[in-house]
């Protein structure tokens, strides 16, 4: 061997380099799995401080973005917290928190108390992370407030920051954002028709008319709908998907939606579908020759039909004729939908101001028009009397 290198000294560098490269390659083969594993903090030293130090050096290497800048004081503004209502028909249901990162579409829902992982992306934006062992948020409910604790495990030291935030109302989503299962996709096609004006006038109750599928449903404020396996209805079904009316605005009806287990909640806005008639109904086109008979009574022609009406009367149009409804059972039949038609509510007779006031409600019960009509003058009253006598003489 040595004689070989003695006769060929130029080969020494070539053979040595080859041997050294083989050794490096062999060593790298065994060291590669060790070098690619994320460093684990051990032993862990737990400590708590009032405020974070500068965050970039505290972040684990895989969470540290290339251009990172984040002020921990901004955390209270970046994380939006809302309290989801418990499922109303299950006293054992737990409170849930809806968590959203401001300025993004990212949101999560967790049971309380609970925790959720956080991270920073390459742009330095806060985002959610499936793992919650390095940088996470813990939440619990205290009355109408959230007590939030932010934890950061950096180089074996656990840092923390505590925040108190008021529990905001749930974020209102659009119908297309509903859960993807069949019951909710059926619900996503629902239309809000409006408020039942007859129930509001007769009962003083707010009843919403909602069309789900082909079935119009009357749901009072706070009323519920249940999924029975084939459709949504008012019959209670235990542990089924549930809807409860929350409230209405001018353009939408807000409803709370829970899944069958009560583990997911969403508040969505059902858009108003029923537009008012293009031509406003005018009471003066229906009424004529309105004159006072006493402080609480008038006579009038209603679409050429002579009537004597009292303050508070309901007048229903059935089969082409107007009929005053003075019995309570007659009004209840209208309220219950057993008798349908256009309805006039004579709300007041003002003898001093010489006018009457009331409301016209169309047969669909969701469109109404208030009216104020003057009483006929004395000359018009005399002319009306002559015409009445003339018709009587014929």
Protein backbone atom coordinates (compact mmCIF):
# COMPACT_ATOMS: atom_id res chain seq x y z
CA UNK A 1 0.00 0.00 0.00
CA UNK A 2 2.69 2.47 1.02
CA UNK A 3 4.78 1.34 -1.98
CA UNK A 4 1.82 2.32 -4.17
CA UNK A 5 1.78 5.90 -2.82
CA UNK A 6 5.62 5.95 -3.00
CA UNK A 7 5.51 5.25 -6.72
CA UNK A 8 2.37 7.33 -7.32
CA UNK A 9 2.51 10.31 -4.88
CA UNK A 10 0.05 12.31 -6.97
CA UNK A 11 -2.77 9.91 -5.97
CA UNK A 12 -2.53 10.69 -2.24
CA UNK A 13 -4.72 13.86 -2.38
CA UNK A 14 -7.29 12.16 -4.63
CA UNK A 15 -7.76 9.11 -2.42
CA UNK A 16 -7.83 11.17 0.79
CA UNK A 17 -10.50 13.51 -0.53
CA UNK A 18 -12.66 10.59 -1.60
CA UNK A 19 -12.40 8.96 1.82
CA UNK A 20 -13.23 12.21 3.62
CA UNK A 21 -16.32 12.79 1.44
CA UNK A 22 -17.55 9.27 2.11
CA UNK A 23 -17.23 9.81 5.86
CA UNK A 24 -19.20 13.10 5.71
CA UNK A 25 -21.95 11.50 3.64
CA UNK A 26 -22.16 8.52 6.02
CA UNK A 27 -22.39 10.80 9.07
CA UNK A 28 -25.05 13.02 7.42
CA UNK A 29 -27.22 10.00 6.72
CA UNK A 30 -27.53 9.34 10.48
CA UNK A 31 -27.72 13.00 11.60
CA UNK A 32 -30.39 14.14 9.11
CA UNK A 33 -33.47 12.84 11.09
CA UNK A 34 -32.17 14.48 14.25
CA UNK A 35 -31.55 17.86 12.61
CA UNK A 36 -35.03 18.05 11.00
CA UNK A 37 -37.00 17.48 14.23
CA UNK A 38 -38.33 20.69 15.83
CA UNK A 39 -36.44 21.52 18.98
CA UNK A 40 -38.49 20.66 22.08
CA UNK A 41 -38.20 22.80 25.17
CA UNK A 42 -36.82 20.63 27.90
CA UNK A 43 -36.61 20.92 30.71
CA UNK A 44 -39.57 23.35 30.87
CA UNK A 45 -39.24 26.26 33.20
CA UNK A 46 -42.55 27.97 33.98
CA UNK A 47 -42.61 31.60 34.85
CA UNK A 48 -45.23 34.37 34.69
CA UNK A 49 -44.65 38.01 33.91
CA UNK A 50 -46.98 40.98 33.84
CA UNK A 51 -46.13 41.99 30.26
CA UNK A 52 -44.36 40.34 27.34
CA UNK A 53 -40.85 41.21 26.50
CA UNK A 54 -40.07 41.80 22.83
CA UNK A 55 -41.90 38.92 21.13
CA UNK A 56 -39.69 38.05 18.11
CA UNK A 57 -36.84 36.42 20.10
CA UNK A 58 -39.42 34.59 22.28
CA UNK A 59 -41.19 32.90 19.37
CA UNK A 60 -40.31 29.30 18.42
CA UNK A 61 -38.33 29.21 15.22
CA UNK A 62 -41.19 27.79 13.10
CA UNK A 63 -43.56 30.57 14.22
CA UNK A 64 -41.20 33.44 13.62
CA UNK A 65 -42.01 35.19 10.30
CA UNK A 66 -39.42 36.71 8.04
CA UNK A 67 -40.61 40.28 8.68
CA UNK A 68 -42.19 40.02 12.12
CA UNK A 69 -43.55 42.98 14.06
CA UNK A 70 -46.26 42.58 16.66
CA UNK A 71 -47.14 44.59 19.72
CA UNK A 72 -48.78 42.38 22.38
CA UNK A 73 -50.86 45.37 23.45
CA UNK A 74 -52.69 44.96 20.12
CA UNK A 75 -53.91 41.50 21.03
CA UNK A 76 -57.07 42.84 22.66
CA UNK A 77 -57.97 44.57 19.39
CA UNK A 78 -56.95 41.71 17.09
CA UNK A 79 -59.03 38.97 18.75
CA UNK A 80 -62.80 39.48 18.68
CA UNK A 81 -64.74 37.44 21.24
CA UNK A 82 -68.49 36.86 21.33
CA UNK A 83 -70.56 34.66 23.62
CA UNK A 84 -72.82 32.11 21.90
CA UNK A 85 -76.16 31.56 23.67
CA UNK A 86 -76.77 28.13 25.16
CA UNK A 87 -79.27 25.87 23.44
CA UNK A 88 -82.56 26.96 25.09
CA UNK A 89 -84.18 23.51 25.32
CA UNK A 90 -81.18 21.81 26.96
CA UNK A 91 -80.17 23.06 30.44
CA UNK A 92 -77.07 20.85 30.30
CA UNK A 93 -75.64 22.61 27.24
CA UNK A 94 -72.35 24.42 27.80
CA UNK A 95 -71.48 28.01 26.99
CA UNK A 96 -69.50 28.56 23.79
CA UNK A 97 -67.23 31.33 22.58
CA UNK A 98 -66.93 32.52 19.00
CA UNK A 99 -63.41 33.72 18.24
CA UNK A 100 -62.55 35.79 15.18
CA UNK A 101 -59.33 37.47 14.12
CA UNK A 102 -59.97 41.06 13.13
CA UNK A 103 -59.50 41.87 9.47
CA UNK A 104 -59.71 38.24 8.32
CA UNK A 105 -62.31 35.56 7.62
CA UNK A 106 -60.78 33.25 10.21
CA UNK A 107 -63.09 32.22 13.02
CA UNK A 108 -63.39 29.35 15.48
CA UNK A 109 -65.93 28.21 18.06
CA UNK A 110 -64.94 26.46 21.30
CA UNK A 111 -66.72 25.28 24.44
CA UNK A 112 -65.96 27.16 27.65
CA UNK A 113 -63.62 26.85 29.40
CA UNK A 114 -61.36 26.00 26.47
CA UNK A 115 -58.17 26.75 24.59
CA UNK A 116 -57.11 27.36 21.00
CA UNK A 117 -53.71 27.43 19.29
CA UNK A 118 -52.29 30.57 17.67
CA UNK A 119 -49.44 31.32 15.27
CA UNK A 120 -48.10 33.98 12.91
CA UNK A 121 -47.91 33.50 9.17
CA UNK A 122 -45.10 34.60 6.86
CA UNK A 123 -46.57 38.10 6.65
CA UNK A 124 -46.59 38.46 10.44
CA UNK A 125 -50.40 38.15 10.69
CA UNK A 126 -51.98 36.43 13.65
CA UNK A 127 -53.82 33.20 12.69
CA UNK A 128 -55.20 30.01 14.22
CA UNK A 129 -53.11 26.84 14.58
CA UNK A 130 -54.26 23.26 15.12
CA UNK A 131 -51.55 22.53 17.70
CA UNK A 132 -51.83 24.41 20.97
CA UNK A 133 -48.53 23.51 22.65
CA UNK A 134 -46.38 26.53 21.75
CA UNK A 135 -48.56 29.64 21.50
CA UNK A 136 -52.19 29.50 22.64
CA UNK A 137 -55.18 31.29 24.15
CA UNK A 138 -57.23 30.00 27.08
CA UNK A 139 -60.76 31.33 27.68
CA UNK A 140 -63.33 31.11 30.44
CA UNK A 141 -66.55 32.98 31.09
CA UNK A 142 -67.05 35.17 34.14
CA UNK A 143 -70.55 36.64 34.09
CA UNK A 144 -70.83 38.90 31.06
CA UNK A 145 -67.06 38.94 30.56
CA UNK A 146 -64.33 36.75 29.12
CA UNK A 147 -61.18 36.09 31.11
CA UNK A 148 -58.53 35.37 28.48
CA UNK A 149 -54.97 34.17 29.09
CA UNK A 150 -52.35 34.18 26.35
CA UNK A 151 -49.49 31.71 26.76
CA UNK A 152 -46.19 31.55 24.89
CA UNK A 153 -43.71 28.70 25.33
CA UNK A 154 -40.31 30.05 24.29
CA UNK A 155 -37.00 28.26 24.87
CA UNK A 156 -38.43 26.27 27.77
CA UNK A 157 -39.96 29.31 29.53
CA UNK A 158 -43.72 29.78 29.64
CA UNK A 159 -44.78 33.42 29.39
CA UNK A 160 -48.36 34.63 29.92
CA UNK A 161 -50.56 37.69 29.61
CA UNK A 162 -54.09 38.09 30.98
CA UNK A 163 -56.92 40.07 29.36
CA UNK A 164 -60.51 40.81 30.37
CA UNK A 165 -62.99 41.51 27.59
CA UNK A 166 -66.73 42.18 27.58
CA UNK A 167 -68.75 39.40 25.98
CA UNK A 168 -70.08 40.84 22.71
CA UNK A 169 -73.20 39.66 20.90
CA UNK A 170 -72.72 36.88 18.32
CA UNK A 171 -71.57 37.98 14.90
CA UNK A 172 -74.49 37.91 12.43
CA UNK A 173 -73.67 35.77 9.39
CA UNK A 174 -75.31 35.49 5.98
CA UNK A 175 -77.61 32.57 5.14
CA UNK A 176 -75.05 31.13 2.71
CA UNK A 177 -72.58 30.80 5.61
CA UNK A 178 -74.76 28.21 7.39
CA UNK A 179 -73.48 24.72 8.18
CA UNK A 180 -73.29 22.41 5.17
CA UNK A 181 -75.53 19.56 6.40
CA UNK A 182 -78.95 19.03 4.80
CA UNK A 183 -81.16 20.59 7.54
CA UNK A 184 -79.24 23.84 7.40
CA UNK A 185 -79.05 23.98 3.62
CA UNK A 186 -82.86 23.68 3.53
CA UNK A 187 -83.01 26.50 6.06
CA UNK A 188 -80.58 28.60 3.98
CA UNK A 189 -83.32 28.98 1.34
CA UNK A 190 -85.81 30.43 3.84
CA UNK A 191 -87.44 33.83 3.21
CA UNK A 192 -88.72 36.32 5.76
CA UNK A 193 -92.10 37.64 4.62
CA UNK A 194 -92.64 40.22 7.37
CA UNK A 195 -94.63 40.86 10.55
CA UNK A 196 -98.24 39.65 10.85
CA UNK A 197 -100.07 43.00 11.23
CA UNK A 198 -103.36 41.36 12.25
CA UNK A 199 -101.76 39.60 15.23
CA UNK A 200 -99.95 42.79 16.15
CA UNK A 201 -103.21 44.77 16.14
CA UNK A 202 -105.37 42.13 17.80
CA UNK A 203 -102.95 40.58 20.29
CA UNK A 204 -100.21 43.14 20.64
CA UNK A 205 -97.82 40.31 19.76
CA UNK A 206 -95.00 40.29 17.21
CA UNK A 207 -95.44 37.24 14.98
CA UNK A 208 -93.01 36.73 12.11
CA UNK A 209 -94.08 35.11 8.86
CA UNK A 210 -91.29 32.92 7.49
CA UNK A 211 -91.38 30.71 4.41
CA UNK A 212 -89.22 27.58 4.77
CA UNK A 213 -89.47 25.36 1.72
CA UNK A 214 -93.03 25.66 0.47
CA UNK A 215 -94.61 26.08 3.90
CA UNK A 216 -95.26 29.57 5.37
CA UNK A 217 -94.84 29.45 9.14
CA UNK A 218 -95.95 31.91 11.84
CA UNK A 219 -93.25 32.22 14.50
CA UNK A 220 -93.65 34.52 17.53
CA UNK A 221 -90.70 36.47 18.91
CA UNK A 222 -88.54 33.87 20.65
CA UNK A 223 -90.42 31.03 18.92
CA UNK A 224 -88.64 27.89 17.74
CA UNK A 225 -88.47 25.55 14.76
CA UNK A 226 -87.22 21.94 14.88
CA UNK A 227 -85.92 19.63 12.18
CA UNK A 228 -88.00 16.42 12.15
CA UNK A 229 -85.92 14.56 9.59
CA UNK A 230 -87.82 15.75 6.55
CA UNK A 231 -88.53 19.43 7.17
CA UNK A 232 -88.65 22.33 9.62
CA UNK A 233 -91.72 22.71 11.84
CA UNK A 234 -92.94 23.91 15.23
CA UNK A 235 -93.39 20.44 16.76
CA UNK A 236 -90.68 19.87 19.37
CA UNK A 237 -88.17 17.13 18.50
CA UNK A 238 -85.63 16.20 21.15
CA UNK A 239 -81.92 16.58 20.27
CA UNK A 240 -82.64 17.81 16.76
CA UNK A 241 -81.31 20.89 14.95
CA UNK A 242 -83.03 23.95 16.36
CA UNK A 243 -83.88 27.50 15.24
CA UNK A 244 -85.03 30.33 17.51
CA UNK A 245 -86.15 33.80 16.41
CA UNK A 246 -83.92 36.48 17.91
CA UNK A 247 -85.30 39.73 16.47
CA UNK A 248 -85.98 41.75 13.33
CA UNK A 249 -84.58 44.85 11.67
CA UNK A 250 -85.95 46.72 8.67
CA UNK A 251 -84.37 44.40 6.11
CA UNK A 252 -83.76 41.06 7.84
CA UNK A 253 -84.87 38.65 10.55
CA UNK A 254 -82.12 37.39 12.87
CA UNK A 255 -82.34 33.76 13.98
CA UNK A 256 -80.14 31.59 16.22
CA UNK A 257 -79.27 28.13 14.85
CA UNK A 258 -77.91 25.14 16.81
CA UNK A 259 -76.96 21.66 15.66
CA UNK A 260 -78.56 18.60 17.26
CA UNK A 261 -75.94 18.29 20.01
CA UNK A 262 -75.81 22.01 20.77
CA UNK A 263 -72.06 22.04 20.04
CA UNK A 264 -72.29 24.53 17.17
CA UNK A 265 -74.17 27.80 17.05
CA UNK A 266 -74.60 30.51 14.44
CA UNK A 267 -76.67 33.69 14.27
CA UNK A 268 -77.80 34.43 10.72
CA UNK A 269 -79.91 37.07 9.00
CA UNK A 270 -82.87 35.89 6.93
CA UNK A 271 -83.41 38.56 4.24
CA UNK A 272 -86.77 40.26 3.73
CA UNK A 273 -88.39 38.86 0.59
CA UNK A 274 -91.80 40.53 0.49
CA UNK A 275 -91.67 43.93 -1.19
CA UNK A 276 -94.58 46.33 -0.61
CA UNK A 277 -97.05 46.82 -3.46
CA UNK A 278 -95.83 49.19 -6.15
CA UNK A 279 -99.07 51.20 -5.94
CA UNK A 280 -99.92 52.41 -2.46
CA UNK A 281 -103.52 51.78 -1.47
CA UNK A 282 -105.37 55.04 -0.79
CA UNK A 283 -108.15 54.98 1.78
CA UNK A 284 -110.00 57.83 0.08
CA UNK A 285 -110.53 55.59 -2.93
CA UNK A 286 -112.49 53.22 -0.67
CA UNK A 287 -114.22 55.66 1.68
CA UNK A 288 -116.68 58.42 0.73
CA UNK A 289 -119.34 60.51 2.45
CA UNK A 290 -117.76 60.04 5.88
CA UNK A 291 -119.84 61.94 8.44
CA UNK A 292 -120.14 61.93 12.17
CA UNK A 293 -123.22 60.59 13.93
CA UNK A 294 -121.89 60.83 17.49
CA UNK A 295 -118.56 61.17 19.28
CA UNK A 296 -117.83 57.48 18.69
CA UNK A 297 -119.85 56.70 15.56
CA UNK A 298 -119.78 57.56 11.87
CA UNK A 299 -121.66 56.70 8.73
CA UNK A 300 -119.88 56.24 5.41
CA UNK A 301 -119.91 54.67 2.00
CA UNK A 302 -117.28 51.95 1.74
CA UNK A 303 -116.90 50.99 -1.91
CA UNK A 304 -120.56 52.10 -2.44
CA UNK A 305 -121.70 50.03 0.53
CA UNK A 306 -123.44 52.13 3.22
CA UNK A 307 -122.16 51.33 6.75
CA UNK A 308 -122.44 52.68 10.27
CA UNK A 309 -119.15 52.16 12.10
CA UNK A 310 -117.99 52.65 15.66
CA UNK A 311 -114.57 53.53 17.03
CA UNK A 312 -112.54 50.33 17.39
CA UNK A 313 -114.47 48.39 14.74
CA UNK A 314 -112.80 45.83 12.51
CA UNK A 315 -114.31 45.66 9.00
CA UNK A 316 -113.47 42.57 6.93
CA UNK A 317 -114.04 42.17 3.21
CA UNK A 318 -115.40 38.69 2.50
CA UNK A 319 -116.85 37.54 -0.82
CA UNK A 320 -116.87 41.09 -2.15
CA UNK A 321 -118.76 42.62 0.82
CA UNK A 322 -117.56 44.52 3.91
CA UNK A 323 -118.71 43.15 7.28
CA UNK A 324 -118.15 44.90 10.65
CA UNK A 325 -116.75 42.50 13.26
CA UNK A 326 -117.88 43.41 16.76
CA UNK A 327 -117.94 40.01 18.43
CA UNK A 328 -114.69 38.80 19.98
CA UNK A 329 -115.04 35.36 18.44
CA UNK A 330 -115.24 36.95 14.97
CA UNK A 331 -111.98 38.82 15.59
CA UNK A 332 -110.33 35.67 16.92
CA UNK A 333 -111.23 33.80 13.75
CA UNK A 334 -109.49 36.50 11.73
CA UNK A 335 -106.44 36.42 14.02
CA UNK A 336 -106.23 32.63 13.71
CA UNK A 337 -106.43 32.82 9.92
CA UNK A 338 -109.81 31.08 9.69
CA UNK A 339 -111.31 34.10 7.92
CA UNK A 340 -109.27 35.91 5.30
CA UNK A 341 -109.62 39.16 3.40
CA UNK A 342 -108.75 42.84 3.40
CA UNK A 343 -109.21 44.39 6.82
CA UNK A 344 -109.94 47.94 8.02
CA UNK A 345 -109.23 48.91 11.63
CA UNK A 346 -111.11 52.08 12.64
CA UNK A 347 -108.85 53.26 15.44
CA UNK A 348 -110.24 56.69 16.34
CA UNK A 349 -112.99 59.21 15.59
CA UNK A 350 -111.94 62.78 16.35
CA UNK A 351 -115.01 65.04 16.36
CA UNK A 352 -113.01 68.17 17.25
CA UNK A 353 -110.50 67.76 14.44
CA UNK A 354 -113.28 66.35 12.24
CA UNK A 355 -111.34 63.31 11.02
CA UNK A 356 -111.04 59.57 11.44
CA UNK A 357 -107.87 57.50 11.70
CA UNK A 358 -107.21 53.86 11.08
CA UNK A 359 -105.27 51.23 9.16
CA UNK A 360 -105.83 49.20 6.00
CA UNK A 361 -104.33 45.69 6.10
CA UNK A 362 -104.16 43.72 2.87
CA UNK A 363 -105.19 40.08 2.65
CA UNK A 364 -101.56 38.90 2.93
CA UNK A 365 -101.53 40.42 6.48
CA UNK A 366 -97.97 41.75 6.08
CA UNK A 367 -98.69 45.01 4.20
CA UNK A 368 -100.67 47.80 5.84
CA UNK A 369 -101.30 51.48 5.29
CA UNK A 370 -102.31 53.96 7.99
CA UNK A 371 -104.87 56.56 6.94
CA UNK A 372 -106.42 59.82 8.14
CA UNK A 373 -109.64 60.95 6.47
CA UNK A 374 -111.59 64.20 6.96
CA UNK A 375 -115.28 64.15 7.78
CA UNK A 376 -117.66 65.41 5.11
CA UNK A 377 -118.63 69.10 5.28
CA UNK A 378 -122.18 70.14 6.10
CA UNK A 379 -122.93 70.82 2.42
CA UNK A 380 -121.68 67.37 1.46
CA UNK A 381 -123.76 65.88 4.26
CA UNK A 382 -126.96 67.55 2.93
CA UNK A 383 -126.18 66.38 -0.61
CA UNK A 384 -125.56 62.89 0.66
CA UNK A 385 -128.91 62.97 2.53
CA UNK A 386 -130.76 63.99 -0.64
CA UNK A 387 -129.06 61.23 -2.66
CA UNK A 388 -129.92 58.70 0.02
CA UNK A 389 -133.58 59.79 0.07
CA UNK A 390 -133.68 59.74 -3.73
CA UNK A 391 -132.34 56.19 -3.82
CA UNK A 392 -134.86 55.27 -1.12
CA UNK A 393 -137.74 56.76 -3.15
CA UNK A 394 -136.75 54.72 -6.18
